[in-house]
Amino acid sequence: MKSMKKKACLLLSTAALILALPLGSAHAENSKVTIAVSIPAATHGWTGGVVYHAEQAEKELEAAFPNVDVVLSTASSATAQVSALEDLSASRKLDALVILPFTSEELTGPVEQIKQKGTFISVVDRGLTDPNVQDLYVAGDNIAVGANTAHWLADKLGGEGKIVVLRGIPTVIDDERIKGFSDVISKTKIEILDIQYANWNQDEAFKLMQDYLAKYPEIDAVWANDDDMLLGVLEAIDNAGRKDIKYALGGNGMKQIIEMVKAKDERTPISTPYPPSMIKSAMYMTAAQFNGQAPVRGSFLLGAPLITPENADQFYFPDSPF
């Protein structure tokens, strides 16, 4: 299947989604539908948000649709997620699987095996290495996350300078963010001094940034392609007392970072959105396949506009876990 990419605003309200899914179909009345949801455990802030929204969607779907049984599973590693999928598939018939893969490469084969049993596959965020496995894909526009940040940074640095970059976990979305960022930077005189993985983890980012600071006496800016890592980066810079770093930027729209943007922080004046609530959108879109709606196929990408002091209130949710 060749997915047709569409940019769509998927942050629909729960009420609107419930109204969009009719209860009256014969399938809904007579057949029990099992939807497995497999996601990483709350290993950092963003996945904590994913778990929160998945749990909310599980309650809402089962309350709205008596024929739907949502089986939610979290995993602390790719190996654990593979094992959990094997158990789920062996113990029951899965009508659909909504999965946010821990890593792309290790989960592609196991998900493909489940698809071969006739299961509808919805992939969220971290794409599989073979996109033909998925029937539905919901994610942010990761190339735009990297590219929009790079355009802003290149403009502020006047097209030249020295920067360091922190990558996340080896996944399709990390590759896309780095590609979007690097393609823009390569057309400037900005030098990327170093680029290494910190696994979207604040503590690992803190340690990696300490290494960068010790290795490079002059750094103009830092891009951590995730806000959890950015928190570690900022702590390392402050502890070292480095004043040469003009900008430290992240991505994903964590509320702590949005607060900095709202306050017009000179070092972190922008961010980009990447809402963990996309898991809820994917779960509702998947449930629609079995409740009288026309089948939804393809790729749906959320936009990644720059979050600035002027529009930050639109992206700020103080009660959210992320």
Protein backbone atom coordinates (compact mmCIF):
# COMPACT_ATOMS: atom_id res chain seq x y z
CA MET A 1 0.00 0.00 0.00
CA LYS A 2 1.35 3.40 -0.95
CA SER A 3 0.19 5.82 1.71
CA MET A 4 -1.01 9.21 0.59
CA LYS A 5 0.42 11.76 2.98
CA LYS A 6 -2.03 14.34 4.22
CA LYS A 7 -1.46 17.13 6.68
CA ALA A 8 -4.39 17.07 9.04
CA CYS A 9 -5.35 18.66 12.31
CA LEU A 10 -5.96 15.57 14.43
CA LEU A 11 -6.28 17.25 17.79
CA LEU A 12 -10.05 16.84 17.77
CA SER A 13 -12.05 17.14 20.92
CA THR A 14 -13.25 13.93 22.54
CA ALA A 15 -16.87 15.01 22.16
CA ALA A 16 -16.49 15.63 18.43
CA LEU A 17 -14.83 12.27 17.92
CA ILE A 18 -17.54 10.40 19.83
CA LEU A 19 -20.25 12.12 17.79
CA ALA A 20 -18.40 11.16 14.61
CA LEU A 21 -18.55 7.43 15.37
CA PRO A 22 -22.08 5.97 15.07
CA LEU A 23 -23.22 3.23 17.41
CA GLY A 24 -25.88 1.78 15.20
CA SER A 25 -24.00 -0.46 12.81
CA ALA A 26 -24.62 -4.21 12.76
CA HIS A 27 -20.96 -4.83 13.46
CA ALA A 28 -21.10 -2.63 16.53
CA GLU A 29 -24.18 -4.42 17.89
CA ASN A 30 -23.20 -8.02 17.24
CA SER A 31 -19.42 -8.34 17.31
CA LYS A 32 -16.87 -7.77 20.02
CA VAL A 33 -13.89 -5.82 18.71
CA THR A 34 -10.51 -6.14 20.37
CA ILE A 35 -8.09 -3.25 19.86
CA ALA A 36 -4.62 -3.76 21.32
CA VAL A 37 -2.64 -0.62 22.13
CA SER A 38 1.10 -1.08 22.57
CA ILE A 39 3.16 1.91 23.72
CA PRO A 40 6.43 2.66 25.52
CA ALA A 41 6.26 3.10 29.27
CA ALA A 42 6.63 6.60 30.72
CA THR A 43 10.41 6.62 30.40
CA HIS A 44 10.47 10.40 29.83
CA GLY A 45 8.06 13.31 29.79
CA TRP A 46 6.70 12.88 26.27
CA THR A 47 5.95 9.18 26.66
CA GLY A 48 4.43 9.99 30.05
CA GLY A 49 1.99 12.16 28.11
CA VAL A 50 1.37 9.32 25.65
CA VAL A 51 0.50 6.92 28.48
CA TYR A 52 -1.83 9.51 30.03
CA HIS A 53 -3.75 10.15 26.80
CA ALA A 54 -3.90 6.43 25.91
CA GLU A 55 -5.43 5.62 29.30
CA GLN A 56 -7.98 8.40 28.84
CA ALA A 57 -8.87 7.16 25.35
CA GLU A 58 -9.24 3.57 26.62
CA LYS A 59 -11.84 4.67 29.17
CA GLU A 60 -13.68 6.91 26.73
CA LEU A 61 -13.86 4.35 23.91
CA GLU A 62 -15.06 1.52 26.11
CA ALA A 63 -17.68 3.79 27.68
CA ALA A 64 -18.91 5.00 24.29
CA PHE A 65 -18.80 1.68 22.48
CA PRO A 66 -19.79 -1.47 24.45
CA ASN A 67 -18.55 -3.68 21.62
CA VAL A 68 -14.97 -2.34 21.87
CA ASP A 69 -12.43 -3.92 24.20
CA VAL A 70 -9.20 -1.91 24.42
CA VAL A 71 -6.19 -3.84 25.74
CA LEU A 72 -3.46 -1.39 26.74
CA SER A 73 0.12 -2.55 27.17
CA THR A 74 3.24 -0.53 28.06
CA ALA A 75 6.85 -1.63 27.66
CA SER A 76 10.13 -0.33 29.04
CA SER A 77 12.26 -1.52 26.10
CA ALA A 78 11.98 -2.74 22.51
CA THR A 79 12.59 -6.32 23.67
CA ALA A 80 9.80 -6.04 26.24
CA GLN A 81 7.45 -4.60 23.63
CA VAL A 82 8.15 -7.49 21.25
CA SER A 83 7.44 -9.99 24.05
CA ALA A 84 4.22 -8.19 24.98
CA LEU A 85 3.04 -8.26 21.35
CA GLU A 86 3.74 -11.98 21.10
CA ASP A 87 1.70 -12.60 24.26
CA LEU A 88 -1.18 -10.43 23.08
CA SER A 89 -1.32 -12.08 19.67
CA ALA A 90 -1.12 -15.60 21.10
CA SER A 91 -3.81 -15.09 23.75
CA ARG A 92 -6.59 -13.48 21.70
CA LYS A 93 -7.74 -12.45 18.24
CA LEU A 94 -6.72 -8.88 17.59
CA ASP A 95 -8.98 -6.93 15.27
CA ALA A 96 -6.65 -3.95 15.38
CA LEU A 97 -3.28 -2.95 16.79
CA VAL A 98 -2.38 0.64 17.61
CA ILE A 99 1.35 0.78 18.23
CA LEU A 100 3.91 3.42 19.05
CA PRO A 101 7.07 1.37 18.43
CA PHE A 102 9.86 1.63 20.99
CA THR A 103 12.29 1.42 18.08
CA SER A 104 11.51 1.13 14.40
CA GLU A 105 13.76 -1.70 13.25
CA GLU A 106 13.13 -4.15 16.11
CA LEU A 107 9.34 -3.82 15.97
CA THR A 108 8.78 -3.99 12.22
CA GLY A 109 9.02 -7.79 11.95
CA PRO A 110 6.78 -8.59 14.94
CA VAL A 111 4.11 -6.12 13.77
CA GLU A 112 4.22 -7.57 10.26
CA GLN A 113 3.55 -11.04 11.70
CA ILE A 114 0.46 -9.70 13.46
CA LYS A 115 -0.73 -7.99 10.27
CA GLN A 116 -0.53 -11.32 8.43
CA LYS A 117 -3.31 -12.59 10.73
CA GLY A 118 -5.67 -9.97 9.30
CA THR A 119 -5.18 -7.34 12.01
CA PHE A 120 -5.66 -3.66 11.14
CA ILE A 121 -2.38 -1.87 11.93
CA SER A 122 -2.20 1.74 13.11
CA VAL A 123 1.29 3.12 13.75
CA VAL A 124 1.85 6.26 15.76
CA ASP A 125 4.87 8.56 15.85
CA ARG A 126 7.87 6.25 15.38
CA GLY A 127 7.26 4.71 11.98
CA LEU A 128 8.20 1.17 11.01
CA THR A 129 11.10 0.57 8.64
CA ASP A 130 8.61 -0.90 6.15
CA PRO A 131 5.69 1.52 5.77
CA ASN A 132 3.73 -1.11 3.82
CA VAL A 133 3.00 -2.88 7.12
CA GLN A 134 0.82 -0.05 8.40
CA ASP A 135 -2.75 0.69 7.32
CA LEU A 136 -2.85 4.00 9.18
CA TYR A 137 0.00 6.28 10.28
CA VAL A 138 -0.42 9.26 12.60
CA ALA A 139 2.57 11.43 13.49
CA GLY A 140 3.99 14.90 13.57
CA ASP A 141 5.82 16.28 10.56
CA ASN A 142 9.29 15.49 11.85
CA ILE A 143 11.13 16.86 8.83
CA ALA A 144 9.36 20.17 9.45
CA VAL A 145 10.28 20.01 13.17
CA GLY A 146 13.95 19.92 12.18
CA ALA A 147 13.75 22.23 9.18
CA ASN A 148 11.70 24.99 10.85
CA THR A 149 14.05 25.03 13.83
CA ALA A 150 17.10 25.15 11.53
CA HIS A 151 15.70 28.01 9.44
CA TRP A 152 15.10 30.07 12.59
CA LEU A 153 18.53 29.28 14.01
CA ALA A 154 20.34 30.00 10.74
CA ASP A 155 18.63 33.37 10.55
CA LYS A 156 19.52 34.30 14.13
CA LEU A 157 23.17 33.21 13.72
CA GLY A 158 23.51 35.06 10.43
CA GLY A 159 24.20 31.84 8.57
CA GLU A 160 27.46 31.01 10.36
CA GLY A 161 28.69 29.65 13.67
CA LYS A 162 29.42 26.43 15.53
CA ILE A 163 26.69 24.17 16.94
CA VAL A 164 26.23 20.77 18.57
CA VAL A 165 23.25 18.44 18.14
CA LEU A 166 21.68 15.77 20.35
CA ARG A 167 19.78 12.93 18.69
CA GLY A 168 17.04 10.79 20.24
CA ILE A 169 16.51 7.03 19.87
CA PRO A 170 17.38 5.34 16.55
CA THR A 171 13.97 5.58 14.87
CA VAL A 172 12.43 6.83 11.66
CA ILE A 173 11.24 10.03 13.34
CA ASP A 174 14.69 10.82 14.71
CA ASP A 175 16.15 10.27 11.24
CA GLU A 176 13.53 12.61 9.78
CA ARG A 177 14.17 15.35 12.33
CA ILE A 178 17.90 15.19 11.73
CA LYS A 179 17.41 15.21 7.96
CA GLY A 180 15.14 18.25 8.09
CA PHE A 181 17.59 20.10 10.29
CA SER A 182 20.79 19.03 8.48
CA ASP A 183 19.46 19.78 4.99
CA VAL A 184 18.88 23.40 5.97
CA ILE A 185 22.13 23.81 7.91
CA SER A 186 24.16 22.31 5.04
CA LYS A 187 23.21 25.31 2.90
CA THR A 188 24.80 27.73 5.40
CA LYS A 189 28.28 28.24 6.83
CA ILE A 190 27.19 26.82 10.18
CA GLU A 191 29.42 23.96 11.34
CA ILE A 192 27.94 21.02 13.24
CA LEU A 193 30.78 20.19 15.64
CA ASP A 194 29.24 16.99 17.00
CA ILE A 195 26.05 14.95 16.81
CA GLN A 196 25.34 11.98 19.10
CA TYR A 197 22.43 10.05 20.60
CA ALA A 198 21.07 10.88 24.07
CA ASN A 199 17.97 8.68 23.73
CA TRP A 200 15.40 11.41 24.49
CA ASN A 201 16.50 11.21 28.10
CA GLN A 202 17.22 14.20 30.34
CA ASP A 203 19.99 12.53 32.35
CA GLU A 204 21.77 11.17 29.27
CA ALA A 205 21.50 14.57 27.60
CA PHE A 206 23.01 16.21 30.69
CA LYS A 207 26.02 13.87 30.51
CA LEU A 208 26.42 14.25 26.74
CA MET A 209 26.24 18.03 26.99
CA GLN A 210 28.91 17.95 29.72
CA ASP A 211 31.12 16.07 27.25
CA TYR A 212 30.40 18.60 24.52
CA LEU A 213 31.22 21.50 26.84
CA ALA A 214 34.52 19.92 27.85
CA LYS A 215 35.45 19.13 24.25
CA TYR A 216 34.47 22.37 22.54
CA PRO A 217 35.54 25.73 24.03
CA GLU A 218 33.31 27.66 21.62
CA ILE A 219 29.69 26.70 20.91
CA ASP A 220 27.20 29.18 19.49
CA ALA A 221 24.05 27.07 19.79
CA VAL A 222 22.66 23.65 20.73
CA TRP A 223 19.80 21.73 19.20
CA ALA A 224 18.39 18.86 21.26
CA ASN A 225 15.65 17.45 19.07
CA ASP A 226 13.38 16.83 22.08
CA ASP A 227 12.48 18.97 25.10
CA ASP A 228 13.32 16.28 27.68
CA MET A 229 16.89 16.37 26.40
CA LEU A 230 16.82 20.15 26.34
CA LEU A 231 16.24 20.25 30.09
CA GLY A 232 19.42 18.23 30.59
CA VAL A 233 21.30 20.46 28.17
CA LEU A 234 20.25 23.64 29.98
CA GLU A 235 21.28 22.18 33.35
CA ALA A 236 24.72 21.27 32.01
CA ILE A 237 25.24 24.72 30.48
CA ASP A 238 24.19 26.49 33.67
CA ASN A 239 26.37 24.26 35.85
CA ALA A 240 29.37 24.98 33.63
CA GLY A 241 28.66 28.71 33.61
CA ARG A 242 29.10 28.87 29.84
CA LYS A 243 28.08 32.24 28.42
CA ASP A 244 29.09 31.69 24.79
CA ILE A 245 26.00 29.61 23.93
CA LYS A 246 23.45 32.00 22.47
CA TYR A 247 20.63 29.53 21.86
CA ALA A 248 19.60 26.15 23.28
CA LEU A 249 16.60 24.76 21.41
CA GLY A 250 14.52 21.61 21.61
CA GLY A 251 11.17 20.46 20.27
CA ASN A 252 7.84 18.80 21.23
CA GLY A 253 6.26 21.69 23.13
CA MET A 254 6.79 20.52 26.72
CA LYS A 255 4.95 22.86 29.06
CA GLN A 256 8.15 23.84 30.94
CA ILE A 257 9.70 24.91 27.65
CA ILE A 258 6.55 26.73 26.56
CA GLU A 259 6.79 28.68 29.82
CA MET A 260 10.29 29.80 28.80
CA VAL A 261 8.99 30.85 25.39
CA LYS A 262 6.11 32.76 26.99
CA ALA A 263 8.62 34.51 29.26
CA LYS A 264 10.71 35.49 26.19
CA ASP A 265 13.74 33.60 27.46
CA GLU A 266 16.71 34.82 25.41
CA ARG A 267 18.33 31.40 25.16
CA THR A 268 15.18 29.36 24.48
CA PRO A 269 12.75 31.72 22.70
CA ILE A 270 11.06 29.16 20.42
CA SER A 271 9.87 25.55 20.27
CA THR A 272 7.88 23.31 17.93
CA PRO A 273 4.74 21.27 18.79
CA TYR A 274 4.62 17.48 18.83
CA PRO A 275 1.63 16.59 21.03
CA PRO A 276 1.53 13.19 22.78
CA SER A 277 -2.27 13.31 22.42
CA MET A 278 -1.78 12.02 18.87
CA ILE A 279 -2.11 8.52 20.38
CA LYS A 280 -5.72 9.34 21.30
CA SER A 281 -6.47 10.51 17.77
CA ALA A 282 -5.04 7.26 16.37
CA MET A 283 -7.11 5.15 18.77
CA TYR A 284 -10.34 6.90 17.78
CA MET A 285 -9.54 6.70 14.08
CA THR A 286 -8.86 2.98 14.50
CA ALA A 287 -12.11 2.38 16.39
CA ALA A 288 -13.95 4.10 13.54
CA GLN A 289 -12.99 1.20 11.25
CA PHE A 290 -15.32 -1.07 13.23
CA ASN A 291 -18.23 1.27 13.99
CA GLY A 292 -19.84 2.03 10.68
CA GLN A 293 -17.38 4.62 9.41
CA ALA A 294 -15.75 4.47 6.00
CA PRO A 295 -12.27 2.91 6.36
CA VAL A 296 -9.50 5.41 6.94
CA ARG A 297 -6.15 4.67 5.34
CA GLY A 298 -2.97 6.61 4.73
CA SER A 299 -0.63 8.94 6.61
CA PHE A 300 -1.80 11.91 8.64
CA LEU A 301 0.83 14.43 9.66
CA LEU A 302 0.48 17.20 12.23
CA GLY A 303 2.01 20.52 11.30
CA ALA A 304 5.07 21.89 13.11
CA PRO A 305 4.76 25.69 13.20
CA LEU A 306 7.23 27.58 15.34
CA ILE A 307 5.96 28.29 18.84
CA THR A 308 6.88 31.89 19.66
CA PRO A 309 6.01 34.32 22.46
CA GLU A 310 3.23 35.67 20.24
CA ASN A 311 1.39 32.33 19.83
CA ALA A 312 2.66 30.31 22.83
CA ASP A 313 -0.68 30.49 24.69
CA GLN A 314 -2.23 28.34 21.95
CA PHE A 315 0.18 25.50 22.82
CA TYR A 316 0.26 25.86 26.60
CA PHE A 317 -1.72 23.36 28.69
CA PRO A 318 -0.68 23.71 32.36
CA ASP A 319 -2.75 20.71 33.51
CA SER A 320 -1.18 18.35 31.00
CA PRO A 321 1.45 15.85 32.23
CA PHE A 322 3.75 17.08 29.43
